[in-house]
Every structure is written in structure tokens, then in C-alpha cells.
Amino acid sequence: MKHLRLIVNNAQNKKIKFFDKKELKKILDLYAQMVSSGLWKDYSLNVSNNEISFNIYKRASEFPIYKISKNLKSKNNYEKYFIQDRNGKLINKSDNLNSLIKNLKWQYFKNVKQV
């Protein structure tokens, strides 16, 4: 009994559960550009076990108009990042956040009010 050792495997706990510094910088650069053009006004972060999302608002009291999300439990690596509109419709998905943000024409997405 005196030669027994307790070994704890913490390898599963080392997974990143948030945007890393480069990802967050890329998203905040886009956000700053859209705020300076007057299209976006506010943002929030939503963290869950399955995904992390950067929610973008036109006004602070509304639902988010866009969600830039990182899927933490993606089975397919192609679906690691995705963008949704306010209705939850998938706009685009990719394995690379830089290409996902660059390939969208953000100023052409307009909100349509339902009467």
C-alpha cells in the first residue's frame, strides 16, 4: 500500500471553452467597424457547454440581429464557426473564422420588419 499513487487525468479539462485572443480580436475589429458605420449598437456574449456566441444588436432592447458562434462540440470540423440571423437561420458556416467574416457582405444584410 505504500507504493500506490493517485493519478488524475485532467486532459479533458484543458479544452478551450471560450474564444481565443485572435478570434475575439477579429470579431471585435468587425464590431468596431460596424459601430463606426452606425449599423450596430451593442453586443453580448453567451457561453454554454455546447457553444460560445457573440451576439450583435441594432438596439440594446432587441433580440440579437446576428450571432457569431463557436461550436465547442462539433463532430464535423467544417462546422466549427457559424453565423445565424435573428430568426436562428444559418447564414454561413466554416472551419476558419477569418474567412467566415471576410466572405460575408455585412452592409448588405438589412433588417426587414414584419407587419
C-alpha atoms as a PDB file:
ATOM      1  CA  MET A   1       0.000   0.000   0.000  1.00  0.00           C
ATOM      2  CA  LYS A   2       2.822   2.448   0.500  1.00  0.00           C
ATOM      3  CA  HIS A   3       3.719   2.396  -3.237  1.00  0.00           C
ATOM      4  CA  LEU A   4       0.260   3.432  -4.503  1.00  0.00           C
ATOM      5  CA  ARG A   5      -0.067   6.754  -6.307  1.00  0.00           C
ATOM      6  CA  LEU A   6      -3.139   8.748  -7.194  1.00  0.00           C
ATOM      7  CA  ILE A   7      -3.091   9.787 -10.847  1.00  0.00           C
ATOM      8  CA  VAL A   8      -5.673  12.289 -12.056  1.00  0.00           C
ATOM      9  CA  ASN A   9      -6.261  12.675 -15.765  1.00  0.00           C
ATOM     10  CA  ASN A  10      -7.153  16.314 -16.410  1.00  0.00           C
ATOM     11  CA  ALA A  11      -6.646  16.203 -20.169  1.00  0.00           C
ATOM     12  CA  GLN A  12     -10.358  16.722 -20.849  1.00  0.00           C
ATOM     13  CA  ASN A  13     -10.469  19.884 -18.729  1.00  0.00           C
ATOM     14  CA  LYS A  14      -7.883  21.658 -20.890  1.00  0.00           C
ATOM     15  CA  LYS A  15     -10.248  22.218 -23.814  1.00  0.00           C
ATOM     16  CA  ILE A  16     -10.782  25.872 -24.694  1.00  0.00           C
ATOM     17  CA  LYS A  17     -14.243  26.946 -23.620  1.00  0.00           C
ATOM     18  CA  PHE A  18     -14.131  30.477 -24.984  1.00  0.00           C
ATOM     19  CA  PHE A  19     -12.935  32.470 -27.991  1.00  0.00           C
ATOM     20  CA  ASP A  20      -9.162  32.652 -28.014  1.00  0.00           C
ATOM     21  CA  LYS A  21      -7.409  36.017 -28.229  1.00  0.00           C
ATOM     22  CA  LYS A  22      -7.073  36.050 -32.043  1.00  0.00           C
ATOM     23  CA  GLU A  23     -10.694  35.027 -32.606  1.00  0.00           C
ATOM     24  CA  LEU A  24     -12.037  37.650 -30.215  1.00  0.00           C
ATOM     25  CA  LYS A  25      -9.828  40.334 -31.763  1.00  0.00           C
ATOM     26  CA  LYS A  26     -11.156  39.510 -35.241  1.00  0.00           C
ATOM     27  CA  ILE A  27     -14.768  39.691 -34.044  1.00  0.00           C
ATOM     28  CA  LEU A  28     -14.205  42.934 -32.116  1.00  0.00           C
ATOM     29  CA  ASP A  29     -12.485  44.520 -35.142  1.00  0.00           C
ATOM     30  CA  LEU A  30     -15.570  43.734 -37.228  1.00  0.00           C
ATOM     31  CA  TYR A  31     -17.799  45.044 -34.444  1.00  0.00           C
ATOM     32  CA  ALA A  32     -15.836  48.322 -34.202  1.00  0.00           C
ATOM     33  CA  GLN A  33     -16.082  48.802 -37.965  1.00  0.00           C
ATOM     34  CA  MET A  34     -19.862  48.291 -37.954  1.00  0.00           C
ATOM     35  CA  VAL A  35     -20.392  50.524 -34.908  1.00  0.00           C
ATOM     36  CA  SER A  36     -18.417  53.327 -36.575  1.00  0.00           C
ATOM     37  CA  SER A  37     -20.631  52.985 -39.656  1.00  0.00           C
ATOM     38  CA  GLY A  38     -23.751  53.199 -37.470  1.00  0.00           C
ATOM     39  CA  LEU A  39     -25.140  49.731 -38.227  1.00  0.00           C
ATOM     40  CA  TRP A  40     -24.593  48.038 -34.873  1.00  0.00           C
ATOM     41  CA  LYS A  41     -25.061  49.439 -31.374  1.00  0.00           C
ATOM     42  CA  ASP A  42     -24.460  46.770 -28.723  1.00  0.00           C
ATOM     43  CA  TYR A  43     -23.167  43.252 -28.143  1.00  0.00           C
ATOM     44  CA  SER A  44     -23.265  40.457 -25.588  1.00  0.00           C
ATOM     45  CA  LEU A  45     -21.531  37.144 -25.043  1.00  0.00           C
ATOM     46  CA  ASN A  46     -23.379  33.915 -24.398  1.00  0.00           C
ATOM     47  CA  VAL A  47     -21.436  30.945 -23.003  1.00  0.00           C
ATOM     48  CA  SER A  48     -22.830  27.424 -22.727  1.00  0.00           C
ATOM     49  CA  ASN A  49     -21.385  23.904 -22.717  1.00  0.00           C
ATOM     50  CA  ASN A  50     -22.053  23.449 -26.441  1.00  0.00           C
ATOM     51  CA  GLU A  51     -21.228  26.844 -27.913  1.00  0.00           C
ATOM     52  CA  ILE A  52     -20.000  30.360 -27.337  1.00  0.00           C
ATOM     53  CA  SER A  53     -21.727  33.158 -29.195  1.00  0.00           C
ATOM     54  CA  PHE A  54     -21.027  36.816 -29.782  1.00  0.00           C
ATOM     55  CA  ASN A  55     -24.479  38.394 -30.101  1.00  0.00           C
ATOM     56  CA  ILE A  56     -24.842  41.636 -32.066  1.00  0.00           C
ATOM     57  CA  TYR A  57     -27.688  44.106 -31.509  1.00  0.00           C
ATOM     58  CA  LYS A  58     -29.068  47.004 -33.513  1.00  0.00           C
ATOM     59  CA  ARG A  59     -30.500  48.430 -30.272  1.00  0.00           C
ATOM     60  CA  ALA A  60     -29.891  47.307 -26.716  1.00  0.00           C
ATOM     61  CA  SER A  61     -33.522  46.355 -26.085  1.00  0.00           C
ATOM     62  CA  GLU A  62     -33.955  43.992 -29.055  1.00  0.00           C
ATOM     63  CA  PHE A  63     -33.087  40.429 -29.879  1.00  0.00           C
ATOM     64  CA  PRO A  64     -29.659  39.972 -31.462  1.00  0.00           C
ATOM     65  CA  ILE A  65     -29.613  40.540 -35.209  1.00  0.00           C
ATOM     66  CA  TYR A  66     -26.589  38.248 -35.650  1.00  0.00           C
ATOM     67  CA  LYS A  67     -24.873  35.542 -33.643  1.00  0.00           C
ATOM     68  CA  ILE A  68     -21.271  34.654 -34.409  1.00  0.00           C
ATOM     69  CA  SER A  69     -20.827  31.299 -32.703  1.00  0.00           C
ATOM     70  CA  LYS A  70     -18.080  28.813 -31.993  1.00  0.00           C
ATOM     71  CA  ASN A  71     -19.276  25.222 -31.702  1.00  0.00           C
ATOM     72  CA  LEU A  72     -17.384  23.506 -28.871  1.00  0.00           C
ATOM     73  CA  LYS A  73     -18.711  20.006 -29.527  1.00  0.00           C
ATOM     74  CA  SER A  74     -18.551  19.907 -33.298  1.00  0.00           C
ATOM     75  CA  LYS A  75     -18.491  16.444 -34.854  1.00  0.00           C
ATOM     76  CA  ASN A  76     -17.577  17.913 -38.224  1.00  0.00           C
ATOM     77  CA  ASN A  77     -14.648  20.346 -38.168  1.00  0.00           C
ATOM     78  CA  TYR A  78     -16.248  22.322 -41.033  1.00  0.00           C
ATOM     79  CA  GLU A  79     -18.996  23.452 -38.661  1.00  0.00           C
ATOM     80  CA  LYS A  80     -16.709  24.913 -36.002  1.00  0.00           C
ATOM     81  CA  TYR A  81     -17.841  28.530 -36.593  1.00  0.00           C
ATOM     82  CA  PHE A  82     -21.218  29.691 -37.826  1.00  0.00           C
ATOM     83  CA  ILE A  83     -23.304  32.845 -38.163  1.00  0.00           C
ATOM     84  CA  GLN A  84     -27.052  32.992 -37.562  1.00  0.00           C
ATOM     85  CA  ASP A  85     -29.579  35.753 -38.113  1.00  0.00           C
ATOM     86  CA  ARG A  86     -32.223  36.901 -35.616  1.00  0.00           C
ATOM     87  CA  ASN A  87     -34.579  34.043 -36.555  1.00  0.00           C
ATOM     88  CA  GLY A  88     -31.917  31.388 -35.986  1.00  0.00           C
ATOM     89  CA  LYS A  89     -31.421  30.818 -39.726  1.00  0.00           C
ATOM     90  CA  LEU A  90     -27.893  29.697 -40.566  1.00  0.00           C
ATOM     91  CA  ILE A  91     -26.236  32.298 -42.803  1.00  0.00           C
ATOM     92  CA  ASN A  92     -22.829  30.688 -43.199  1.00  0.00           C
ATOM     93  CA  LYS A  93     -20.519  28.173 -41.521  1.00  0.00           C
ATOM     94  CA  SER A  94     -16.810  27.441 -41.779  1.00  0.00           C
ATOM     95  CA  ASP A  95     -13.799  25.970 -40.037  1.00  0.00           C
ATOM     96  CA  ASN A  96     -11.946  29.303 -40.287  1.00  0.00           C
ATOM     97  CA  LEU A  97     -13.307  32.395 -38.536  1.00  0.00           C
ATOM     98  CA  ASN A  98     -11.254  34.827 -40.647  1.00  0.00           C
ATOM     99  CA  SER A  99     -12.648  33.555 -43.934  1.00  0.00           C
ATOM    100  CA  LEU A 100     -16.161  33.382 -42.484  1.00  0.00           C
ATOM    101  CA  ILE A 101     -16.105  37.059 -41.508  1.00  0.00           C
ATOM    102  CA  LYS A 102     -14.336  38.261 -44.677  1.00  0.00           C
ATOM    103  CA  ASN A 103     -16.597  36.413 -47.116  1.00  0.00           C
ATOM    104  CA  LEU A 104     -19.841  37.982 -45.875  1.00  0.00           C
ATOM    105  CA  LYS A 105     -21.042  41.335 -47.129  1.00  0.00           C
ATOM    106  CA  TRP A 106     -22.188  42.707 -43.781  1.00  0.00           C
ATOM    107  CA  GLN A 107     -23.550  46.006 -45.039  1.00  0.00           C
ATOM    108  CA  TYR A 108     -25.919  44.261 -47.455  1.00  0.00           C
ATOM    109  CA  PHE A 109     -27.801  42.388 -44.742  1.00  0.00           C
ATOM    110  CA  LYS A 110     -30.769  44.558 -43.837  1.00  0.00           C
ATOM    111  CA  ASN A 111     -33.429  44.023 -41.240  1.00  0.00           C
ATOM    112  CA  VAL A 112     -36.943  43.623 -42.538  1.00  0.00           C
ATOM    113  CA  LYS A 113     -39.759  44.488 -40.141  1.00  0.00           C
ATOM    114  CA  GLN A 114     -42.687  42.144 -40.162  1.00  0.00           C
ATOM    115  CA  VAL A 115     -46.044  43.900 -40.003  1.00  0.00           C
END
